[in-house]
Amino acid sequence: MSELATRYPDLERVVFSQEQIAARVEELGREIDSFYGPEDELLVVGLLKGAFVFTSDLVRQLEGRAVTVDFLTAALYGHGTDSSREVRLHQDLTASVEERHVLLIEDIVDSGKTLNRIGDLLAARKPRSLEVCAFLHKRIADGLRYEPRWVGFDAPPDWLVGYGLDLGERYRHLPFVGAIATGEE
């Protein structure tokens, strides 16, 4: 961690290593493949920006069926790390979800606001099925309407970065997940 501490002084510790993540993503791929039948084509919907790395790695593990990938961009508006922020949709899907098996990929379930908003949006479009796979789950969301069927890891309460997760658009490129000092209590 000493080299990391020099390059990223606000990084407190590695929470999930690159090796742990790779092993869990492979397991998730097998679990998802066994849930759907081989004839079930799957529309994977990644939430940008945070889930782009996880989505990319996960879809390469789905070998038992045809897979189509599309993305939505949603953003929370408000201040910094405040969880009371408002969810706004910036980029919609190009693919239709009607009568399709949809797998929504979320980077982290924290307040649950983004997942509820996007889940409602997709459910209103009448998919054949709608399931959620979250890379991380903090298990603190009140009123979560779309509980993930698959979760990569239960997450600590820290602010986490890396593997697509960011703080102020920084740290997404890190191949691991780390806890970072935000300066907020």
C-alpha atoms as a PDB file:
ATOM      1  CA  MET A   1       0.000   0.000   0.000  1.00  0.00           C
ATOM      2  CA  SER A   2       3.006   2.347   0.414  1.00  0.00           C
ATOM      3  CA  GLU A   3       3.310   3.019  -3.349  1.00  0.00           C
ATOM      4  CA  LEU A   4      -0.437   3.572  -3.491  1.00  0.00           C
ATOM      5  CA  ALA A   5      -0.283   5.920  -0.511  1.00  0.00           C
ATOM      6  CA  THR A   6       2.329   7.980  -2.333  1.00  0.00           C
ATOM      7  CA  ARG A   7       0.280   8.169  -5.545  1.00  0.00           C
ATOM      8  CA  TYR A   8      -3.106   8.529  -3.812  1.00  0.00           C
ATOM      9  CA  PRO A   9      -2.559  10.059  -0.360  1.00  0.00           C
ATOM     10  CA  ASP A  10      -6.289  10.145   0.456  1.00  0.00           C
ATOM     11  CA  LEU A  11      -6.663   6.397  -0.165  1.00  0.00           C
ATOM     12  CA  GLU A  12      -7.028   4.810   3.267  1.00  0.00           C
ATOM     13  CA  ARG A  13      -6.991   1.118   2.362  1.00  0.00           C
ATOM     14  CA  VAL A  14      -7.800  -1.465  -0.294  1.00  0.00           C
ATOM     15  CA  VAL A  15     -11.210  -2.977   0.464  1.00  0.00           C
ATOM     16  CA  PHE A  16     -11.486  -5.475  -2.421  1.00  0.00           C
ATOM     17  CA  SER A  17      -8.401  -6.484  -4.397  1.00  0.00           C
ATOM     18  CA  GLN A  18      -8.206  -6.929  -8.148  1.00  0.00           C
ATOM     19  CA  GLU A  19      -7.952 -10.695  -7.606  1.00  0.00           C
ATOM     20  CA  GLN A  20     -11.000 -10.825  -5.300  1.00  0.00           C
ATOM     21  CA  ILE A  21     -13.029  -8.834  -7.816  1.00  0.00           C
ATOM     22  CA  ALA A  22     -12.030 -11.044 -10.773  1.00  0.00           C
ATOM     23  CA  ALA A  23     -12.940 -14.213  -8.866  1.00  0.00           C
ATOM     24  CA  ARG A  24     -16.315 -12.840  -7.746  1.00  0.00           C
ATOM     25  CA  VAL A  25     -17.233 -11.552 -11.222  1.00  0.00           C
ATOM     26  CA  GLU A  26     -16.527 -15.014 -12.626  1.00  0.00           C
ATOM     27  CA  GLU A  27     -18.804 -16.555  -9.955  1.00  0.00           C
ATOM     28  CA  LEU A  28     -21.546 -14.023 -10.705  1.00  0.00           C
ATOM     29  CA  GLY A  29     -21.374 -14.912 -14.394  1.00  0.00           C
ATOM     30  CA  ARG A  30     -21.946 -18.583 -13.576  1.00  0.00           C
ATOM     31  CA  GLU A  31     -24.815 -17.741 -11.195  1.00  0.00           C
ATOM     32  CA  ILE A  32     -26.533 -15.533 -13.767  1.00  0.00           C
ATOM     33  CA  ASP A  33     -26.024 -18.095 -16.544  1.00  0.00           C
ATOM     34  CA  SER A  34     -27.637 -20.803 -14.421  1.00  0.00           C
ATOM     35  CA  PHE A  35     -30.642 -18.576 -13.601  1.00  0.00           C
ATOM     36  CA  TYR A  36     -31.666 -18.028 -17.226  1.00  0.00           C
ATOM     37  CA  GLY A  37     -32.414 -20.740 -19.747  1.00  0.00           C
ATOM     38  CA  PRO A  38     -30.046 -21.178 -22.712  1.00  0.00           C
ATOM     39  CA  GLU A  39     -32.766 -19.895 -25.071  1.00  0.00           C
ATOM     40  CA  ASP A  40     -33.217 -16.675 -23.023  1.00  0.00           C
ATOM     41  CA  GLU A  41     -31.610 -13.721 -24.739  1.00  0.00           C
ATOM     42  CA  LEU A  42     -30.492 -11.191 -22.154  1.00  0.00           C
ATOM     43  CA  LEU A  43     -30.482  -7.408 -22.428  1.00  0.00           C
ATOM     44  CA  VAL A  44     -27.823  -6.165 -20.017  1.00  0.00           C
ATOM     45  CA  VAL A  45     -28.348  -2.532 -19.018  1.00  0.00           C
ATOM     46  CA  GLY A  46     -25.338  -0.887 -17.405  1.00  0.00           C
ATOM     47  CA  LEU A  47     -25.706   2.294 -15.388  1.00  0.00           C
ATOM     48  CA  LEU A  48     -23.093   4.827 -16.390  1.00  0.00           C
ATOM     49  CA  LYS A  49     -20.674   5.942 -15.347  1.00  0.00           C
ATOM     50  CA  GLY A  50     -19.994   3.854 -12.266  1.00  0.00           C
ATOM     51  CA  ALA A  51     -20.935   0.414 -13.576  1.00  0.00           C
ATOM     52  CA  PHE A  52     -19.034   0.508 -16.871  1.00  0.00           C
ATOM     53  CA  VAL A  53     -16.047  -1.577 -15.693  1.00  0.00           C
ATOM     54  CA  PHE A  54     -18.199  -4.123 -13.859  1.00  0.00           C
ATOM     55  CA  THR A  55     -20.601  -4.401 -16.817  1.00  0.00           C
ATOM     56  CA  SER A  56     -17.729  -5.006 -19.221  1.00  0.00           C
ATOM     57  CA  ASP A  57     -16.157  -7.701 -17.079  1.00  0.00           C
ATOM     58  CA  LEU A  58     -19.485  -9.369 -16.245  1.00  0.00           C
ATOM     59  CA  VAL A  59     -20.846  -9.678 -19.795  1.00  0.00           C
ATOM     60  CA  ARG A  60     -17.665 -11.494 -20.833  1.00  0.00           C
ATOM     61  CA  GLN A  61     -18.554 -14.153 -18.242  1.00  0.00           C
ATOM     62  CA  LEU A  62     -22.054 -14.743 -19.667  1.00  0.00           C
ATOM     63  CA  GLU A  63     -21.482 -17.647 -22.000  1.00  0.00           C
ATOM     64  CA  GLY A  64     -24.757 -19.519 -21.923  1.00  0.00           C
ATOM     65  CA  ARG A  65     -26.891 -17.241 -24.103  1.00  0.00           C
ATOM     66  CA  ALA A  66     -27.135 -14.337 -26.511  1.00  0.00           C
ATOM     67  CA  VAL A  67     -26.392 -11.032 -24.786  1.00  0.00           C
ATOM     68  CA  THR A  68     -27.132  -7.484 -25.878  1.00  0.00           C
ATOM     69  CA  VAL A  69     -25.643  -4.548 -23.955  1.00  0.00           C
ATOM     70  CA  ASP A  70     -27.018  -1.037 -23.600  1.00  0.00           C
ATOM     71  CA  PHE A  71     -26.419   1.807 -21.174  1.00  0.00           C
ATOM     72  CA  LEU A  72     -28.338   4.413 -19.209  1.00  0.00           C
ATOM     73  CA  THR A  73     -26.758   7.466 -17.651  1.00  0.00           C
ATOM     74  CA  ALA A  74     -28.296   8.703 -14.440  1.00  0.00           C
ATOM     75  CA  ALA A  75     -26.792  11.233 -12.095  1.00  0.00           C
ATOM     76  CA  LEU A  76     -27.431  12.364  -8.566  1.00  0.00           C
ATOM     77  CA  TYR A  77     -27.660  16.122  -8.177  1.00  0.00           C
ATOM     78  CA  GLY A  78     -26.812  17.835  -4.938  1.00  0.00           C
ATOM     79  CA  HIS A  79     -23.657  18.420  -2.950  1.00  0.00           C
ATOM     80  CA  GLY A  80     -20.674  16.058  -2.750  1.00  0.00           C
ATOM     81  CA  THR A  81     -21.393  12.869  -0.886  1.00  0.00           C
ATOM     82  CA  ASP A  82     -24.875  13.936   0.334  1.00  0.00           C
ATOM     83  CA  SER A  83     -27.247  10.971  -0.150  1.00  0.00           C
ATOM     84  CA  SER A  84     -30.377  13.169  -0.314  1.00  0.00           C
ATOM     85  CA  ARG A  85     -29.575  14.274  -3.842  1.00  0.00           C
ATOM     86  CA  GLU A  86     -32.059  14.080  -6.736  1.00  0.00           C
ATOM     87  CA  VAL A  87     -31.758  11.436  -9.499  1.00  0.00           C
ATOM     88  CA  ARG A  88     -31.892  12.664 -13.092  1.00  0.00           C
ATOM     89  CA  LEU A  89     -31.727  10.633 -16.298  1.00  0.00           C
ATOM     90  CA  HIS A  90     -29.183  11.931 -18.835  1.00  0.00           C
ATOM     91  CA  GLN A  91     -29.016   9.185 -21.454  1.00  0.00           C
ATOM     92  CA  ASP A  92     -31.742   6.680 -22.218  1.00  0.00           C
ATOM     93  CA  LEU A  93     -31.477   3.254 -23.792  1.00  0.00           C
ATOM     94  CA  THR A  94     -31.381   2.766 -27.535  1.00  0.00           C
ATOM     95  CA  ALA A  95     -32.818  -0.772 -27.233  1.00  0.00           C
ATOM     96  CA  SER A  96     -36.417  -1.636 -26.443  1.00  0.00           C
ATOM     97  CA  VAL A  97     -36.941  -3.605 -23.226  1.00  0.00           C
ATOM     98  CA  GLU A  98     -40.505  -4.723 -23.958  1.00  0.00           C
ATOM     99  CA  GLU A  99     -40.911  -8.511 -23.541  1.00  0.00           C
ATOM    100  CA  ARG A 100     -37.159  -8.972 -23.006  1.00  0.00           C
ATOM    101  CA  HIS A 101     -35.216 -10.394 -20.097  1.00  0.00           C
ATOM    102  CA  VAL A 102     -33.461  -7.336 -18.651  1.00  0.00           C
ATOM    103  CA  LEU A 103     -30.513  -7.452 -16.278  1.00  0.00           C
ATOM    104  CA  LEU A 104     -29.809  -4.050 -14.752  1.00  0.00           C
ATOM    105  CA  ILE A 105     -26.202  -3.607 -13.628  1.00  0.00           C
ATOM    106  CA  GLU A 106     -25.595  -1.180 -10.749  1.00  0.00           C
ATOM    107  CA  ASP A 107     -22.209  -0.235  -9.347  1.00  0.00           C
ATOM    108  CA  ILE A 108     -23.242   0.338  -5.730  1.00  0.00           C
ATOM    109  CA  VAL A 109     -26.515   0.308  -3.824  1.00  0.00           C
ATOM    110  CA  ASP A 110     -26.270   3.032  -1.223  1.00  0.00           C
ATOM    111  CA  SER A 111     -29.370   5.199  -0.702  1.00  0.00           C
ATOM    112  CA  GLY A 112     -31.266   3.151  -3.317  1.00  0.00           C
ATOM    113  CA  LYS A 113     -32.588   6.293  -5.039  1.00  0.00           C
ATOM    114  CA  THR A 114     -30.931   5.638  -8.384  1.00  0.00           C
ATOM    115  CA  LEU A 115     -31.927   1.968  -8.401  1.00  0.00           C
ATOM    116  CA  ASN A 116     -35.557   2.790  -7.537  1.00  0.00           C
ATOM    117  CA  ARG A 117     -35.781   5.501 -10.212  1.00  0.00           C
ATOM    118  CA  ILE A 118     -34.216   3.395 -12.970  1.00  0.00           C
ATOM    119  CA  GLY A 119     -36.059   0.237 -11.886  1.00  0.00           C
ATOM    120  CA  ASP A 120     -39.386   2.072 -12.121  1.00  0.00           C
ATOM    121  CA  LEU A 121     -38.447   3.449 -15.539  1.00  0.00           C
ATOM    122  CA  LEU A 122     -37.560   0.000 -16.900  1.00  0.00           C
ATOM    123  CA  ALA A 123     -40.514  -1.796 -15.267  1.00  0.00           C
ATOM    124  CA  ALA A 124     -42.921   0.666 -16.907  1.00  0.00           C
ATOM    125  CA  ARG A 125     -41.587  -0.446 -20.294  1.00  0.00           C
ATOM    126  CA  LYS A 126     -42.913  -3.984 -19.701  1.00  0.00           C
ATOM    127  CA  PRO A 127     -39.886  -6.267 -19.803  1.00  0.00           C
ATOM    128  CA  ARG A 128     -40.477 -10.032 -19.661  1.00  0.00           C
ATOM    129  CA  SER A 129     -38.307 -10.015 -16.532  1.00  0.00           C
ATOM    130  CA  LEU A 130     -36.255  -7.420 -14.681  1.00  0.00           C
ATOM    131  CA  GLU A 131     -33.433  -8.484 -12.382  1.00  0.00           C
ATOM    132  CA  VAL A 132     -30.650  -6.483 -10.771  1.00  0.00           C
ATOM    133  CA  CYS A 133     -26.985  -7.304 -10.270  1.00  0.00           C
ATOM    134  CA  ALA A 134     -25.082  -4.883  -8.044  1.00  0.00           C
ATOM    135  CA  PHE A 135     -21.331  -4.895  -7.732  1.00  0.00           C
ATOM    136  CA  LEU A 136     -21.522  -3.521  -4.179  1.00  0.00           C
ATOM    137  CA  HIS A 137     -24.372  -3.260  -1.666  1.00  0.00           C
ATOM    138  CA  LYS A 138     -24.132  -1.179   1.504  1.00  0.00           C
ATOM    139  CA  ARG A 139     -27.406  -2.626   2.888  1.00  0.00           C
ATOM    140  CA  ILE A 140     -28.535   0.756   4.201  1.00  0.00           C
ATOM    141  CA  ALA A 141     -31.206   1.717   1.656  1.00  0.00           C
ATOM    142  CA  ASP A 142     -34.664   2.419   3.071  1.00  0.00           C
ATOM    143  CA  GLY A 143     -37.569   1.663   0.738  1.00  0.00           C
ATOM    144  CA  LEU A 144     -35.557  -0.240  -1.854  1.00  0.00           C
ATOM    145  CA  ARG A 145     -38.060  -1.550  -4.422  1.00  0.00           C
ATOM    146  CA  TYR A 146     -35.602  -3.511  -6.586  1.00  0.00           C
ATOM    147  CA  GLU A 147     -33.454  -5.665  -4.333  1.00  0.00           C
ATOM    148  CA  PRO A 148     -30.542  -7.082  -6.321  1.00  0.00           C
ATOM    149  CA  ARG A 149     -30.792 -10.797  -7.028  1.00  0.00           C
ATOM    150  CA  TRP A 150     -26.994 -10.908  -7.352  1.00  0.00           C
ATOM    151  CA  VAL A 151     -24.461  -8.920  -5.322  1.00  0.00           C
ATOM    152  CA  GLY A 152     -20.729  -8.922  -5.811  1.00  0.00           C
ATOM    153  CA  PHE A 153     -19.807  -7.819  -2.301  1.00  0.00           C
ATOM    154  CA  ASP A 154     -21.420  -6.327   0.777  1.00  0.00           C
ATOM    155  CA  ALA A 155     -19.737  -2.962   1.169  1.00  0.00           C
ATOM    156  CA  PRO A 156     -18.538  -1.129   4.268  1.00  0.00           C
ATOM    157  CA  PRO A 157     -19.964   2.335   5.021  1.00  0.00           C
ATOM    158  CA  ASP A 158     -16.843   4.109   3.700  1.00  0.00           C
ATOM    159  CA  TRP A 159     -16.736   6.208   0.529  1.00  0.00           C
ATOM    160  CA  LEU A 160     -15.409   3.710  -2.030  1.00  0.00           C
ATOM    161  CA  VAL A 161     -13.504   4.343  -5.240  1.00  0.00           C
ATOM    162  CA  GLY A 162     -11.961   2.290  -8.010  1.00  0.00           C
ATOM    163  CA  TYR A 163     -13.272  -0.305 -10.451  1.00  0.00           C
ATOM    164  CA  GLY A 164     -15.572   2.361 -11.912  1.00  0.00           C
ATOM    165  CA  LEU A 165     -16.473   4.089  -8.643  1.00  0.00           C
ATOM    166  CA  ASP A 166     -15.344   7.678  -8.276  1.00  0.00           C
ATOM    167  CA  LEU A 167     -15.052  10.725  -6.116  1.00  0.00           C
ATOM    168  CA  GLY A 168     -15.365  13.849  -8.238  1.00  0.00           C
ATOM    169  CA  GLU A 169     -14.724  11.789 -11.414  1.00  0.00           C
ATOM    170  CA  ARG A 170     -11.361  10.596 -10.044  1.00  0.00           C
ATOM    171  CA  TYR A 171     -10.183   7.039  -9.244  1.00  0.00           C
ATOM    172  CA  ARG A 172     -12.493   5.131 -11.650  1.00  0.00           C
ATOM    173  CA  HIS A 173      -9.439   3.602 -13.351  1.00  0.00           C
ATOM    174  CA  LEU A 174      -8.119   1.793 -10.269  1.00  0.00           C
ATOM    175  CA  PRO A 175      -8.311  -2.010 -10.699  1.00  0.00           C
ATOM    176  CA  PHE A 176      -9.364  -2.513  -7.067  1.00  0.00           C
ATOM    177  CA  VAL A 177     -11.863  -0.916  -4.674  1.00  0.00           C
ATOM    178  CA  GLY A 178     -10.438   1.324  -1.983  1.00  0.00           C
ATOM    179  CA  ALA A 179     -11.783   3.390   0.883  1.00  0.00           C
ATOM    180  CA  ILE A 180     -10.986   7.051   0.643  1.00  0.00           C
ATOM    181  CA  ALA A 181     -10.902   9.930   3.093  1.00  0.00           C
ATOM    182  CA  THR A 182     -13.554  12.410   1.977  1.00  0.00           C
ATOM    183  CA  GLY A 183     -12.960  14.990   4.676  1.00  0.00           C
ATOM    184  CA  GLU A 184     -16.619  14.702   5.722  1.00  0.00           C
ATOM    185  CA  GLU A 185     -17.814  13.287   9.006  1.00  0.00           C
END
